[in-house]
Amino acid sequence: NSSSTYHDHDESTSSLSKNNQKWMTNFKKFKLYISEHGDYPFASPHGSSSSTTSPHASSSSMLGHWMNTQRVQYRLWMGGNKYCSLTSHQIDLMESIGFDWHYVTWESRFTELK
């Protein structure tokens, strides 16, 4: 049975590695989006994207949802939740690009502009 335990460990490590690769791919897209647009992407309401939505808007919406997920995971991490999927390395990467972990509403941005 030690071989099955070893096999399970390999699958777990492989799954973690795939998740990390996916996270890194999204992080690179997010970083590129910020460098090209100078701001964070916004998620479309309810995750919807219509057929009239441009590819850029669809990409922005996907990255906006990813960004919001990172904020949720960060709150779990800060609260010591063992189900948090965010790692300290990923947090460091987000902070290296100046990511703001706090959700900012359009109303608060509008107030800042007044």
PDB file of N, CA and C in Angstrom:
ATOM      1  N   ASN A   1       0.797  -1.209   0.000  1.00  0.00           N
ATOM      2  CA  ASN A   1       0.000   0.000   0.000  1.00  0.00           C
ATOM      3  C   ASN A   1       0.835   1.267   0.000  1.00  0.00           C
ATOM      4  N   SER A   2       2.122   1.123   0.304  1.00  0.00           N
ATOM      5  CA  SER A   2       2.964   2.310   0.286  1.00  0.00           C
ATOM      6  C   SER A   2       3.065   2.890  -1.119  1.00  0.00           C
ATOM      7  N   SER A   3       2.943   2.018  -2.145  1.00  0.00           N
ATOM      8  CA  SER A   3       2.995   2.531  -3.513  1.00  0.00           C
ATOM      9  C   SER A   3       1.753   3.352  -3.829  1.00  0.00           C
ATOM     10  N   SER A   4       0.569   2.966  -3.286  1.00  0.00           N
ATOM     11  CA  SER A   4      -0.632   3.754  -3.554  1.00  0.00           C
ATOM     12  C   SER A   4      -0.558   5.100  -2.836  1.00  0.00           C
ATOM     13  N   THR A   5       0.024   5.127  -1.646  1.00  0.00           N
ATOM     14  CA  THR A   5       0.201   6.392  -0.939  1.00  0.00           C
ATOM     15  C   THR A   5       1.135   7.298  -1.725  1.00  0.00           C
ATOM     16  N   TYR A   6       2.205   6.722  -2.247  1.00  0.00           N
ATOM     17  CA  TYR A   6       3.147   7.489  -3.057  1.00  0.00           C
ATOM     18  C   TYR A   6       2.456   8.008  -4.311  1.00  0.00           C
ATOM     19  N   HIS A   7       1.639   7.163  -4.941  1.00  0.00           N
ATOM     20  CA  HIS A   7       0.909   7.556  -6.142  1.00  0.00           C
ATOM     21  C   HIS A   7      -0.049   8.703  -5.840  1.00  0.00           C
ATOM     22  N   ASP A   8      -0.774   8.633  -4.712  1.00  0.00           N
ATOM     23  CA  ASP A   8      -1.691   9.698  -4.332  1.00  0.00           C
ATOM     24  C   ASP A   8      -0.928  11.002  -4.134  1.00  0.00           C
ATOM     25  N   HIS A   9       0.244  10.904  -3.513  1.00  0.00           N
ATOM     26  CA  HIS A   9       1.059  12.090  -3.295  1.00  0.00           C
ATOM     27  C   HIS A   9       1.473  12.703  -4.638  1.00  0.00           C
ATOM     28  N   ASP A  10       1.838  11.855  -5.609  1.00  0.00           N
ATOM     29  CA  ASP A  10       2.218  12.348  -6.926  1.00  0.00           C
ATOM     30  C   ASP A  10       1.062  13.090  -7.581  1.00  0.00           C
ATOM     31  N   GLU A  11      -0.155  12.544  -7.485  1.00  0.00           N
ATOM     32  CA  GLU A  11      -1.312  13.199  -8.077  1.00  0.00           C
ATOM     33  C   GLU A  11      -1.570  14.540  -7.409  1.00  0.00           C
ATOM     34  N   SER A  12      -1.434  14.587  -6.095  1.00  0.00           N
ATOM     35  CA  SER A  12      -1.644  15.830  -5.366  1.00  0.00           C
ATOM     36  C   SER A  12      -0.611  16.870  -5.780  1.00  0.00           C
ATOM     37  N   THR A  13       0.644  16.475  -5.877  1.00  0.00           N
ATOM     38  CA  THR A  13       1.711  17.381  -6.286  1.00  0.00           C
ATOM     39  C   THR A  13       1.497  17.838  -7.714  1.00  0.00           C
ATOM     40  N   SER A  14       1.089  16.909  -8.584  1.00  0.00           N
ATOM     41  CA  SER A  14       0.835  17.235  -9.977  1.00  0.00           C
ATOM     42  C   SER A  14      -0.314  18.235 -10.087  1.00  0.00           C
ATOM     43  N   SER A  15      -1.370  18.026  -9.317  1.00  0.00           N
ATOM     44  CA  SER A  15      -2.518  18.922  -9.329  1.00  0.00           C
ATOM     45  C   SER A  15      -2.116  20.304  -8.844  1.00  0.00           C
ATOM     46  N   LEU A  16      -1.325  20.360  -7.778  1.00  0.00           N
ATOM     47  CA  LEU A  16      -0.852  21.621  -7.245  1.00  0.00           C
ATOM     48  C   LEU A  16      -0.004  22.340  -8.289  1.00  0.00           C
ATOM     49  N   SER A  17       0.843  21.592  -8.972  1.00  0.00           N
ATOM     50  CA  SER A  17       1.702  22.173  -9.991  1.00  0.00           C
ATOM     51  C   SER A  17       0.864  22.746 -11.132  1.00  0.00           C
ATOM     52  N   LYS A  18      -0.178  22.034 -11.566  1.00  0.00           N
ATOM     53  CA  LYS A  18      -1.059  22.520 -12.632  1.00  0.00           C
ATOM     54  C   LYS A  18      -1.788  23.782 -12.185  1.00  0.00           C
ATOM     55  N   ASN A  19      -2.255  23.787 -10.930  1.00  0.00           N
ATOM     56  CA  ASN A  19      -2.932  24.981 -10.408  1.00  0.00           C
ATOM     57  C   ASN A  19      -1.974  26.158 -10.362  1.00  0.00           C
ATOM     58  N   ASN A  20      -0.734  25.905  -9.958  1.00  0.00           N
ATOM     59  CA  ASN A  20       0.262  26.973  -9.893  1.00  0.00           C
ATOM     60  C   ASN A  20       0.580  27.498 -11.293  1.00  0.00           C
ATOM     61  N   GLN A  21       0.677  26.596 -12.259  1.00  0.00           N
ATOM     62  CA  GLN A  21       0.939  27.021 -13.636  1.00  0.00           C
ATOM     63  C   GLN A  21      -0.210  27.885 -14.158  1.00  0.00           C
ATOM     64  N   LYS A  22      -1.436  27.477 -13.873  1.00  0.00           N
ATOM     65  CA  LYS A  22      -2.603  28.252 -14.300  1.00  0.00           C
ATOM     66  C   LYS A  22      -2.597  29.618 -13.610  1.00  0.00           C
ATOM     67  N   TRP A  23      -2.266  29.637 -12.312  1.00  0.00           N
ATOM     68  CA  TRP A  23      -2.225  30.896 -11.585  1.00  0.00           C
ATOM     69  C   TRP A  23      -1.174  31.814 -12.197  1.00  0.00           C
ATOM     70  N   MET A  24       0.003  31.264 -12.494  1.00  0.00           N
ATOM     71  CA  MET A  24       1.083  32.073 -13.082  1.00  0.00           C
ATOM     72  C   MET A  24       0.700  32.612 -14.456  1.00  0.00           C
ATOM     73  N   THR A  25       0.011  31.815 -15.252  1.00  0.00           N
ATOM     74  CA  THR A  25      -0.451  32.275 -16.559  1.00  0.00           C
ATOM     75  C   THR A  25      -1.397  33.463 -16.386  1.00  0.00           C
ATOM     76  N   ASN A  26      -2.342  33.333 -15.460  1.00  0.00           N
ATOM     77  CA  ASN A  26      -3.287  34.426 -15.209  1.00  0.00           C
ATOM     78  C   ASN A  26      -2.579  35.647 -14.634  1.00  0.00           C
ATOM     79  N   PHE A  27      -1.604  35.426 -13.758  1.00  0.00           N
ATOM     80  CA  PHE A  27      -0.851  36.539 -13.185  1.00  0.00           C
ATOM     81  C   PHE A  27      -0.129  37.310 -14.289  1.00  0.00           C
ATOM     82  N   LYS A  28       0.504  36.597 -15.214  1.00  0.00           N
ATOM     83  CA  LYS A  28       1.218  37.257 -16.311  1.00  0.00           C
ATOM     84  C   LYS A  28       0.255  38.052 -17.187  1.00  0.00           C
ATOM     85  N   LYS A  29      -0.929  37.499 -17.459  1.00  0.00           N
ATOM     86  CA  LYS A  29      -1.940  38.218 -18.242  1.00  0.00           C
ATOM     87  C   LYS A  29      -2.413  39.456 -17.480  1.00  0.00           C
ATOM     88  N   PHE A  30      -2.599  39.308 -16.187  1.00  0.00           N
ATOM     89  CA  PHE A  30      -3.044  40.413 -15.333  1.00  0.00           C
ATOM     90  C   PHE A  30      -2.003  41.536 -15.325  1.00  0.00           C
ATOM     91  N   LYS A  31      -0.755  41.155 -15.156  1.00  0.00           N
ATOM     92  CA  LYS A  31       0.349  42.119 -15.136  1.00  0.00           C
ATOM     93  C   LYS A  31       0.449  42.850 -16.479  1.00  0.00           C
ATOM     94  N   LEU A  32       0.304  42.128 -17.574  1.00  0.00           N
ATOM     95  CA  LEU A  32       0.338  42.718 -18.900  1.00  0.00           C
ATOM     96  C   LEU A  32      -0.833  43.682 -19.095  1.00  0.00           C
ATOM     97  N   TYR A  33      -2.015  43.269 -18.653  1.00  0.00           N
ATOM     98  CA  TYR A  33      -3.196  44.123 -18.768  1.00  0.00           C
ATOM     99  C   TYR A  33      -2.950  45.455 -18.058  1.00  0.00           C
ATOM    100  N   ILE A  34      -2.420  45.395 -16.845  1.00  0.00           N
ATOM    101  CA  ILE A  34      -2.166  46.612 -16.071  1.00  0.00           C
ATOM    102  C   ILE A  34      -1.138  47.494 -16.786  1.00  0.00           C
ATOM    103  N   SER A  35      -0.082  46.889 -17.329  1.00  0.00           N
ATOM    104  CA  SER A  35       0.948  47.680 -18.006  1.00  0.00           C
ATOM    105  C   SER A  35       0.405  48.328 -19.281  1.00  0.00           C
ATOM    106  N   GLU A  36      -0.530  47.651 -19.958  1.00  0.00           N
ATOM    107  CA  GLU A  36      -1.092  48.193 -21.197  1.00  0.00           C
ATOM    108  C   GLU A  36      -2.191  49.216 -20.945  1.00  0.00           C
ATOM    109  N   HIS A  37      -2.975  49.037 -19.876  1.00  0.00           N
ATOM    110  CA  HIS A  37      -4.148  49.883 -19.648  1.00  0.00           C
ATOM    111  C   HIS A  37      -4.005  50.831 -18.463  1.00  0.00           C
ATOM    112  N   GLY A  38      -3.021  50.599 -17.617  1.00  0.00           N
ATOM    113  CA  GLY A  38      -2.786  51.486 -16.492  1.00  0.00           C
ATOM    114  C   GLY A  38      -3.783  51.369 -15.362  1.00  0.00           C
ATOM    115  N   ASP A  39      -4.620  50.358 -15.397  1.00  0.00           N
ATOM    116  CA  ASP A  39      -5.616  50.178 -14.342  1.00  0.00           C
ATOM    117  C   ASP A  39      -5.985  48.710 -14.266  1.00  0.00           C
ATOM    118  N   TYR A  40      -6.735  48.363 -13.230  1.00  0.00           N
ATOM    119  CA  TYR A  40      -7.203  46.986 -13.065  1.00  0.00           C
ATOM    120  C   TYR A  40      -8.371  46.708 -14.005  1.00  0.00           C
ATOM    121  N   PRO A  41      -8.498  45.473 -14.453  1.00  0.00           N
ATOM    122  CA  PRO A  41      -9.665  45.092 -15.257  1.00  0.00           C
ATOM    123  C   PRO A  41     -10.902  44.998 -14.363  1.00  0.00           C
ATOM    124  N   PHE A  42     -12.062  45.136 -14.950  1.00  0.00           N
ATOM    125  CA  PHE A  42     -13.304  45.005 -14.206  1.00  0.00           C
ATOM    126  C   PHE A  42     -14.066  43.792 -14.702  1.00  0.00           C
ATOM    127  N   ALA A  43     -14.658  43.071 -13.759  1.00  0.00           N
ATOM    128  CA  ALA A  43     -15.462  41.896 -14.098  1.00  0.00           C
ATOM    129  C   ALA A  43     -16.840  42.357 -14.527  1.00  0.00           C
ATOM    130  N   SER A  44     -17.386  41.712 -15.543  1.00  0.00           N
ATOM    131  CA  SER A  44     -18.747  42.040 -15.946  1.00  0.00           C
ATOM    132  C   SER A  44     -19.716  41.457 -14.929  1.00  0.00           C
ATOM    133  N   PRO A  45     -20.875  42.067 -14.778  1.00  0.00           N
ATOM    134  CA  PRO A  45     -21.852  41.567 -13.804  1.00  0.00           C
ATOM    135  C   PRO A  45     -22.237  40.117 -14.080  1.00  0.00           C
ATOM    136  N   HIS A  46     -22.310  39.347 -13.029  1.00  0.00           N
ATOM    137  CA  HIS A  46     -22.763  37.946 -13.093  1.00  0.00           C
ATOM    138  C   HIS A  46     -21.903  37.090 -13.990  1.00  0.00           C
ATOM    139  N   GLY A  47     -20.714  37.558 -14.330  1.00  0.00           N
ATOM    140  CA  GLY A  47     -19.813  36.761 -15.164  1.00  0.00           C
ATOM    141  C   GLY A  47     -20.304  36.574 -16.573  1.00  0.00           C
ATOM    142  N   SER A  48     -21.243  37.409 -17.000  1.00  0.00           N
ATOM    143  CA  SER A  48     -21.825  37.228 -18.325  1.00  0.00           C
ATOM    144  C   SER A  48     -20.965  37.886 -19.384  1.00  0.00           C
ATOM    145  N   SER A  49     -20.974  37.295 -20.538  1.00  0.00           N
ATOM    146  CA  SER A  49     -20.358  37.939 -21.691  1.00  0.00           C
ATOM    147  C   SER A  49     -21.237  37.612 -22.886  1.00  0.00           C
ATOM    148  N   SER A  50     -21.720  38.632 -23.530  1.00  0.00           N
ATOM    149  CA  SER A  50     -22.620  38.412 -24.657  1.00  0.00           C
ATOM    150  C   SER A  50     -21.811  38.213 -25.927  1.00  0.00           C
ATOM    151  N   SER A  51     -22.490  37.815 -26.976  1.00  0.00           N
ATOM    152  CA  SER A  51     -21.797  37.582 -28.242  1.00  0.00           C
ATOM    153  C   SER A  51     -21.340  38.896 -28.865  1.00  0.00           C
ATOM    154  N   THR A  52     -21.888  40.035 -28.405  1.00  0.00           N
ATOM    155  CA  THR A  52     -21.483  41.325 -28.948  1.00  0.00           C
ATOM    156  C   THR A  52     -20.278  41.891 -28.210  1.00  0.00           C
ATOM    157  N   THR A  53     -19.850  41.212 -27.156  1.00  0.00           N
ATOM    158  CA  THR A  53     -18.715  41.677 -26.377  1.00  0.00           C
ATOM    159  C   THR A  53     -17.428  41.476 -27.169  1.00  0.00           C
ATOM    160  N   SER A  54     -16.581  42.503 -27.179  1.00  0.00           N
ATOM    161  CA  SER A  54     -15.321  42.395 -27.905  1.00  0.00           C
ATOM    162  C   SER A  54     -14.393  41.417 -27.188  1.00  0.00           C
ATOM    163  N   PRO A  55     -13.430  40.845 -27.908  1.00  0.00           N
ATOM    164  CA  PRO A  55     -12.468  39.942 -27.258  1.00  0.00           C
ATOM    165  C   PRO A  55     -11.723  40.635 -26.118  1.00  0.00           C
ATOM    166  N   HIS A  56     -11.420  41.936 -26.291  1.00  0.00           N
ATOM    167  CA  HIS A  56     -10.732  42.680 -25.233  1.00  0.00           C
ATOM    168  C   HIS A  56     -11.603  42.761 -23.988  1.00  0.00           C
ATOM    169  N   ALA A  57     -12.891  43.061 -24.158  1.00  0.00           N
ATOM    170  CA  ALA A  57     -13.797  43.167 -23.017  1.00  0.00           C
ATOM    171  C   ALA A  57     -13.942  41.817 -22.324  1.00  0.00           C
ATOM    172  N   SER A  58     -13.997  40.752 -23.104  1.00  0.00           N
ATOM    173  CA  SER A  58     -14.114  39.414 -22.539  1.00  0.00           C
ATOM    174  C   SER A  58     -12.866  39.069 -21.726  1.00  0.00           C
ATOM    175  N   SER A  59     -11.693  39.398 -22.250  1.00  0.00           N
ATOM    176  CA  SER A  59     -10.442  39.159 -21.545  1.00  0.00           C
ATOM    177  C   SER A  59     -10.380  39.996 -20.271  1.00  0.00           C
ATOM    178  N   SER A  60     -10.819  41.239 -20.362  1.00  0.00           N
ATOM    179  CA  SER A  60     -10.844  42.126 -19.205  1.00  0.00           C
ATOM    180  C   SER A  60     -11.766  41.574 -18.130  1.00  0.00           C
ATOM    181  N   SER A  61     -12.926  41.075 -18.536  1.00  0.00           N
ATOM    182  CA  SER A  61     -13.880  40.520 -17.589  1.00  0.00           C
ATOM    183  C   SER A  61     -13.315  39.282 -16.899  1.00  0.00           C
ATOM    184  N   MET A  62     -12.658  38.401 -17.674  1.00  0.00           N
ATOM    185  CA  MET A  62     -12.058  37.193 -17.108  1.00  0.00           C
ATOM    186  C   MET A  62     -10.987  37.567 -16.095  1.00  0.00           C
ATOM    187  N   LEU A  63     -10.152  38.532 -16.450  1.00  0.00           N
ATOM    188  CA  LEU A  63      -9.101  38.968 -15.532  1.00  0.00           C
ATOM    189  C   LEU A  63      -9.675  39.687 -14.318  1.00  0.00           C
ATOM    190  N   GLY A  64     -10.773  40.399 -14.526  1.00  0.00           N
ATOM    191  CA  GLY A  64     -11.448  41.050 -13.404  1.00  0.00           C
ATOM    192  C   GLY A  64     -11.969  40.034 -12.406  1.00  0.00           C
ATOM    193  N   HIS A  65     -12.541  38.954 -12.910  1.00  0.00           N
ATOM    194  CA  HIS A  65     -13.017  37.879 -12.022  1.00  0.00           C
ATOM    195  C   HIS A  65     -11.840  37.209 -11.314  1.00  0.00           C
ATOM    196  N   TRP A  66     -10.761  36.990 -12.047  1.00  0.00           N
ATOM    197  CA  TRP A  66      -9.568  36.383 -11.447  1.00  0.00           C
ATOM    198  C   TRP A  66      -9.034  37.277 -10.332  1.00  0.00           C
ATOM    199  N   MET A  67      -8.969  38.583 -10.593  1.00  0.00           N
ATOM    200  CA  MET A  67      -8.492  39.539  -9.603  1.00  0.00           C
ATOM    201  C   MET A  67      -9.369  39.501  -8.348  1.00  0.00           C
ATOM    202  N   ASN A  68     -10.680  39.481  -8.539  1.00  0.00           N
ATOM    203  CA  ASN A  68     -11.595  39.423  -7.389  1.00  0.00           C
ATOM    204  C   ASN A  68     -11.409  38.134  -6.598  1.00  0.00           C
ATOM    205  N   THR A  69     -11.153  37.030  -7.300  1.00  0.00           N
ATOM    206  CA  THR A  69     -10.901  35.753  -6.628  1.00  0.00           C
ATOM    207  C   THR A  69      -9.644  35.846  -5.765  1.00  0.00           C
ATOM    208  N   GLN A  70      -8.620  36.551  -6.261  1.00  0.00           N
ATOM    209  CA  GLN A  70      -7.391  36.702  -5.473  1.00  0.00           C
ATOM    210  C   GLN A  70      -7.671  37.468  -4.186  1.00  0.00           C
ATOM    211  N   ARG A  71      -8.541  38.475  -4.285  1.00  0.00           N
ATOM    212  CA  ARG A  71      -8.902  39.247  -3.088  1.00  0.00           C
ATOM    213  C   ARG A  71      -9.644  38.375  -2.076  1.00  0.00           C
ATOM    214  N   VAL A  72     -10.552  37.546  -2.561  1.00  0.00           N
ATOM    215  CA  VAL A  72     -11.286  36.646  -1.667  1.00  0.00           C
ATOM    216  C   VAL A  72     -10.313  35.672  -1.012  1.00  0.00           C
ATOM    217  N   GLN A  73      -9.421  35.089  -1.812  1.00  0.00           N
ATOM    218  CA  GLN A  73      -8.450  34.141  -1.275  1.00  0.00           C
ATOM    219  C   GLN A  73      -7.516  34.817  -0.268  1.00  0.00           C
ATOM    220  N   TYR A  74      -7.176  36.073  -0.511  1.00  0.00           N
ATOM    221  CA  TYR A  74      -6.312  36.810   0.416  1.00  0.00           C
ATOM    222  C   TYR A  74      -7.012  37.007   1.765  1.00  0.00           C
ATOM    223  N   ARG A  75      -8.306  37.328   1.725  1.00  0.00           N
ATOM    224  CA  ARG A  75      -9.057  37.475   2.979  1.00  0.00           C
ATOM    225  C   ARG A  75      -9.086  36.147   3.734  1.00  0.00           C
ATOM    226  N   LEU A  76      -9.238  35.038   3.014  1.00  0.00           N
ATOM    227  CA  LEU A  76      -9.198  33.714   3.649  1.00  0.00           C
ATOM    228  C   LEU A  76      -7.822  33.471   4.259  1.00  0.00           C
ATOM    229  N   TRP A  77      -6.771  33.816   3.510  1.00  0.00           N
ATOM    230  CA  TRP A  77      -5.395  33.626   3.984  1.00  0.00           C
ATOM    231  C   TRP A  77      -5.144  34.442   5.248  1.00  0.00           C
ATOM    232  N   MET A  78      -5.605  35.702   5.233  1.00  0.00           N
ATOM    233  CA  MET A  78      -5.407  36.574   6.388  1.00  0.00           C
ATOM    234  C   MET A  78      -6.154  36.039   7.612  1.00  0.00           C
ATOM    235  N   GLY A  79      -7.284  35.376   7.365  1.00  0.00           N
ATOM    236  CA  GLY A  79      -8.073  34.814   8.457  1.00  0.00           C
ATOM    237  C   GLY A  79      -7.594  33.437   8.895  1.00  0.00           C
ATOM    238  N   GLY A  80      -6.545  32.931   8.268  1.00  0.00           N
ATOM    239  CA  GLY A  80      -6.003  31.630   8.639  1.00  0.00           C
ATOM    240  C   GLY A  80      -6.831  30.457   8.149  1.00  0.00           C
ATOM    241  N   ASN A  81      -7.663  30.669   7.129  1.00  0.00           N
ATOM    242  CA  ASN A  81      -8.506  29.602   6.599  1.00  0.00           C
ATOM    243  C   ASN A  81      -7.659  28.564   5.880  1.00  0.00           C
ATOM    244  N   LYS A  82      -7.792  27.310   6.299  1.00  0.00           N
ATOM    245  CA  LYS A  82      -6.968  26.249   5.712  1.00  0.00           C
ATOM    246  C   LYS A  82      -7.376  25.896   4.282  1.00  0.00           C
ATOM    247  N   TYR A  83      -8.523  26.407   3.820  1.00  0.00           N
ATOM    248  CA  TYR A  83      -8.977  26.116   2.460  1.00  0.00           C
ATOM    249  C   TYR A  83      -8.541  27.187   1.458  1.00  0.00           C
ATOM    250  N   CYS A  84      -7.733  28.115   1.904  1.00  0.00           N
ATOM    251  CA  CYS A  84      -7.221  29.160   1.030  1.00  0.00           C
ATOM    252  C   CYS A  84      -6.254  28.541   0.019  1.00  0.00           C
ATOM    253  N   SER A  85      -6.413  28.902  -1.246  1.00  0.00           N
ATOM    254  CA  SER A  85      -5.533  28.348  -2.276  1.00  0.00           C
ATOM    255  C   SER A  85      -4.377  29.280  -2.618  1.00  0.00           C
ATOM    256  N   LEU A  86      -4.345  30.460  -2.044  1.00  0.00           N
ATOM    257  CA  LEU A  86      -3.298  31.434  -2.314  1.00  0.00           C
ATOM    258  C   LEU A  86      -2.070  31.125  -1.457  1.00  0.00           C
ATOM    259  N   THR A  87      -0.896  31.212  -2.062  1.00  0.00           N
ATOM    260  CA  THR A  87       0.341  30.945  -1.325  1.00  0.00           C
ATOM    261  C   THR A  87       1.029  32.269  -0.983  1.00  0.00           C
ATOM    262  N   SER A  88       1.940  32.225  -0.040  1.00  0.00           N
ATOM    263  CA  SER A  88       2.679  33.438   0.329  1.00  0.00           C
ATOM    264  C   SER A  88       3.507  33.930  -0.860  1.00  0.00           C
ATOM    265  N   HIS A  89       4.006  33.020  -1.683  1.00  0.00           N
ATOM    266  CA  HIS A  89       4.758  33.418  -2.882  1.00  0.00           C
ATOM    267  C   HIS A  89       3.854  34.186  -3.855  1.00  0.00           C
ATOM    268  N   GLN A  90       2.624  33.702  -4.042  1.00  0.00           N
ATOM    269  CA  GLN A  90       1.682  34.380  -4.927  1.00  0.00           C
ATOM    270  C   GLN A  90       1.323  35.758  -4.374  1.00  0.00           C
ATOM    271  N   ILE A  91       1.168  35.857  -3.064  1.00  0.00           N
ATOM    272  CA  ILE A  91       0.896  37.153  -2.433  1.00  0.00           C
ATOM    273  C   ILE A  91       2.056  38.098  -2.706  1.00  0.00           C
ATOM    274  N   ASP A  92       3.277  37.604  -2.554  1.00  0.00           N
ATOM    275  CA  ASP A  92       4.462  38.424  -2.830  1.00  0.00           C
ATOM    276  C   ASP A  92       4.484  38.899  -4.282  1.00  0.00           C
ATOM    277  N   LEU A  93       4.122  38.021  -5.198  1.00  0.00           N
ATOM    278  CA  LEU A  93       4.091  38.410  -6.612  1.00  0.00           C
ATOM    279  C   LEU A  93       3.056  39.499  -6.855  1.00  0.00           C
ATOM    280  N   MET A  94       1.867  39.342  -6.279  1.00  0.00           N
ATOM    281  CA  MET A  94       0.817  40.361  -6.437  1.00  0.00           C
ATOM    282  C   MET A  94       1.287  41.692  -5.853  1.00  0.00           C
ATOM    283  N   GLU A  95       1.922  41.647  -4.714  1.00  0.00           N
ATOM    284  CA  GLU A  95       2.397  42.874  -4.073  1.00  0.00           C
ATOM    285  C   GLU A  95       3.567  43.494  -4.826  1.00  0.00           C
ATOM    286  N   SER A  96       4.322  42.665  -5.555  1.00  0.00           N
ATOM    287  CA  SER A  96       5.458  43.186  -6.327  1.00  0.00           C
ATOM    288  C   SER A  96       4.999  44.096  -7.469  1.00  0.00           C
ATOM    289  N   ILE A  97       3.749  43.955  -7.887  1.00  0.00           N
ATOM    290  CA  ILE A  97       3.213  44.835  -8.936  1.00  0.00           C
ATOM    291  C   ILE A  97       2.300  45.906  -8.337  1.00  0.00           C
ATOM    292  N   GLY A  98       2.320  46.021  -7.016  1.00  0.00           N
ATOM    293  CA  GLY A  98       1.551  47.065  -6.343  1.00  0.00           C
ATOM    294  C   GLY A  98       0.066  46.778  -6.232  1.00  0.00           C
ATOM    295  N   PHE A  99      -0.296  45.498  -6.226  1.00  0.00           N
ATOM    296  CA  PHE A  99      -1.711  45.133  -6.172  1.00  0.00           C
ATOM    297  C   PHE A  99      -2.347  45.609  -4.870  1.00  0.00           C
ATOM    298  N   ASP A 100      -3.534  46.201  -5.002  1.00  0.00           N
ATOM    299  CA  ASP A 100      -4.308  46.658  -3.850  1.00  0.00           C
ATOM    300  C   ASP A 100      -5.278  45.542  -3.476  1.00  0.00           C
ATOM    301  N   TRP A 101      -5.093  44.974  -2.293  1.00  0.00           N
ATOM    302  CA  TRP A 101      -5.909  43.849  -1.853  1.00  0.00           C
ATOM    303  C   TRP A 101      -7.325  44.253  -1.453  1.00  0.00           C
ATOM    304  N   HIS A 102      -7.564  45.525  -1.313  1.00  0.00           N
ATOM    305  CA  HIS A 102      -8.881  45.977  -0.862  1.00  0.00           C
ATOM    306  C   HIS A 102      -9.744  46.346  -2.058  1.00  0.00           C
ATOM    307  N   TYR A 103     -10.967  45.883  -2.014  1.00  0.00           N
ATOM    308  CA  TYR A 103     -11.920  46.154  -3.088  1.00  0.00           C
ATOM    309  C   TYR A 103     -12.268  47.632  -3.078  1.00  0.00           C
ATOM    310  N   VAL A 104     -12.202  48.252  -4.238  1.00  0.00           N
ATOM    311  CA  VAL A 104     -12.530  49.661  -4.364  1.00  0.00           C
ATOM    312  C   VAL A 104     -13.756  49.789  -5.255  1.00  0.00           C
ATOM    313  N   THR A 105     -14.799  50.406  -4.738  1.00  0.00           N
ATOM    314  CA  THR A 105     -16.021  50.583  -5.522  1.00  0.00           C
ATOM    315  C   THR A 105     -15.888  51.805  -6.421  1.00  0.00           C
ATOM    316  N   TRP A 106     -16.707  51.860  -7.447  1.00  0.00           N
ATOM    317  CA  TRP A 106     -16.659  53.014  -8.333  1.00  0.00           C
ATOM    318  C   TRP A 106     -17.095  54.268  -7.580  1.00  0.00           C
ATOM    319  N   GLU A 107     -17.977  54.100  -6.578  1.00  0.00           N
ATOM    320  CA  GLU A 107     -18.434  55.259  -5.809  1.00  0.00           C
ATOM    321  C   GLU A 107     -17.273  55.894  -5.041  1.00  0.00           C
ATOM    322  N   SER A 108     -16.406  55.060  -4.449  1.00  0.00           N
ATOM    323  CA  SER A 108     -15.281  55.617  -3.707  1.00  0.00           C
ATOM    324  C   SER A 108     -14.278  56.282  -4.661  1.00  0.00           C
ATOM    325  N   ARG A 109     -14.111  55.725  -5.847  1.00  0.00           N
ATOM    326  CA  ARG A 109     -13.230  56.363  -6.834  1.00  0.00           C
ATOM    327  C   ARG A 109     -13.812  57.692  -7.268  1.00  0.00           C
ATOM    328  N   PHE A 110     -15.124  57.740  -7.482  1.00  0.00           N
ATOM    329  CA  PHE A 110     -15.794  58.964  -7.887  1.00  0.00           C
ATOM    330  C   PHE A 110     -15.607  60.047  -6.829  1.00  0.00           C
ATOM    331  N   THR A 111     -15.757  59.658  -5.559  1.00  0.00           N
ATOM    332  CA  THR A 111     -15.582  60.601  -4.455  1.00  0.00           C
ATOM    333  C   THR A 111     -14.150  61.146  -4.433  1.00  0.00           C
ATOM    334  N   GLU A 112     -13.172  60.287  -4.717  1.00  0.00           N
ATOM    335  CA  GLU A 112     -11.779  60.730  -4.763  1.00  0.00           C
ATOM    336  C   GLU A 112     -11.553  61.790  -5.837  1.00  0.00           C
ATOM    337  N   LEU A 113     -12.293  61.682  -6.942  1.00  0.00           N
ATOM    338  CA  LEU A 113     -12.106  62.604  -8.052  1.00  0.00           C
ATOM    339  C   LEU A 113     -12.742  63.968  -7.810  1.00  0.00           C
ATOM    340  N   LYS A 114     -13.675  64.055  -6.893  1.00  0.00           N
ATOM    341  CA  LYS A 114     -14.368  65.324  -6.631  1.00  0.00           C
ATOM    342  C   LYS A 114     -13.444  66.393  -6.102  1.00  0.00           C
TER     343      LYS A 114
END
